Protein backbone atom coordinates (compact mmCIF):
# COMPACT_ATOMS: atom_id res chain seq x y z
CA MET A 1 0.07 -0.57 -0.13
CA LYS A 2 1.19 3.00 -0.52
CA TYR A 3 1.24 6.22 1.46
CA ARG A 4 1.36 10.14 2.73
CA GLN A 5 2.00 12.30 4.71
CA TYR A 6 1.22 15.88 5.83
CA GLU A 7 3.07 19.02 5.30
CA TYR A 8 2.89 21.52 7.43
CA LYS A 9 4.66 24.56 7.63
CA CYS A 10 5.43 26.75 11.40
CA LYS A 11 3.86 29.79 11.68
CA ARG A 12 6.34 30.69 15.02
CA CYS A 13 9.87 29.64 13.21
CA SER A 14 8.95 28.64 10.13
CA GLU A 15 9.93 25.17 9.54
CA VAL A 16 8.84 22.36 7.34
CA PHE A 17 7.27 19.36 8.24
CA THR A 18 5.25 16.72 8.75
CA GLU A 19 3.64 14.88 11.30
CA ARG A 20 4.39 10.94 12.03
CA ASP A 21 1.86 8.90 10.99
CA LEU A 22 1.88 8.00 7.44
CA ARG A 23 -1.95 7.99 5.77
CA PRO A 24 -3.48 5.97 2.62
CA ALA A 25 -1.69 7.63 -0.12
CA GLU A 26 -4.65 8.60 -2.54
CA MET A 27 -6.88 9.47 0.62
CA VAL A 28 -4.23 12.03 1.48
CA GLU A 29 -3.93 13.48 -2.24
CA TRP A 30 -8.28 13.91 -2.33
CA HIS A 31 -8.13 15.51 1.06
CA ILE A 32 -5.64 18.35 -0.22
CA ARG A 33 -7.97 18.48 -2.94
CA ILE A 34 -10.95 19.13 -1.18
CA ILE A 35 -9.94 21.43 1.45
CA SER A 36 -7.88 23.36 -1.93
CA ILE A 37 -12.11 23.18 -3.61
CA PRO A 38 -14.58 22.18 -1.31
CA ASP A 39 -17.11 19.90 -2.23
CA GLU A 40 -19.88 18.46 0.67
CA PHE A 41 -20.58 15.26 -1.61
CA GLU A 42 -16.83 15.22 -2.66
CA GLU A 43 -16.71 15.84 1.56
CA ARG A 44 -18.98 13.11 2.79
CA ALA A 45 -17.23 10.68 0.07
CA ILE A 46 -14.16 9.89 1.76
CA LYS A 47 -16.23 10.23 5.18
CA ASN A 48 -17.24 7.21 3.78
CA GLU A 49 -14.52 6.10 2.81
CA TYR A 50 -11.65 6.60 4.45
CA GLY A 51 -13.56 6.20 8.63
CA LYS A 52 -11.38 6.90 11.12
CA ASP A 53 -8.00 7.43 8.12
CA TYR A 54 -9.63 10.66 7.43
CA LEU A 55 -8.99 13.52 9.72
CA GLY A 56 -11.04 15.84 8.19
CA ASP A 57 -10.56 19.77 9.56
CA ILE A 58 -7.88 18.41 12.53
CA ALA A 59 -5.43 17.77 9.76
CA LYS A 60 -5.33 21.74 8.42
CA SER A 61 -3.34 22.74 11.78
CA SER A 62 -0.62 20.62 13.78
CA PHE A 63 1.79 21.85 16.92
CA HIS A 64 5.82 21.87 16.44
CA GLU A 65 8.71 21.72 18.27
CA CYS A 66 10.23 25.00 17.65
CA LYS A 67 14.24 24.36 18.26
CA ASP A 68 14.35 26.85 20.70
CA GLY A 69 11.93 24.44 22.35
CA GLY A 70 9.01 27.17 22.91
CA TYR A 71 5.72 25.50 20.12
CA GLY A 72 4.27 27.38 17.00
CA ILE A 73 1.42 26.24 15.20
CA GLY A 74 2.06 24.26 11.54
CA GLU A 75 0.12 25.18 9.57
CA LEU A 76 -0.91 22.77 6.20
CA ILE A 77 0.42 23.52 2.77
CA GLY A 78 0.33 20.15 1.51
CA CYS A 79 1.61 16.76 1.39
CA GLY A 80 4.99 14.66 0.65
CA ALA A 81 5.38 11.98 -1.55
CA GLU A 82 4.65 8.89 -1.72
CA GLU A 83 5.80 6.32 0.25
CA GLU A 84 5.30 2.22 0.60
CA GLU A 85 5.19 1.15 3.50
């Protein structure tokens, strides 16, 4: 199976980072399209297809531990390359 990771950019330190969790590649690609061009029908379809793997709006941001020890909020910027597991 192929997987992808969501990528974020920290608003505090500008570092680009990923979540450690790998998600199904097709789902992540589909989700990125829904975020960029919202579609309620597509949103329902992806929820039905992927259930718990689909993060919805939760995937739009993440927290990040910056190099200086502080914490920043990461904003979703896309997804990484496909990986096989």
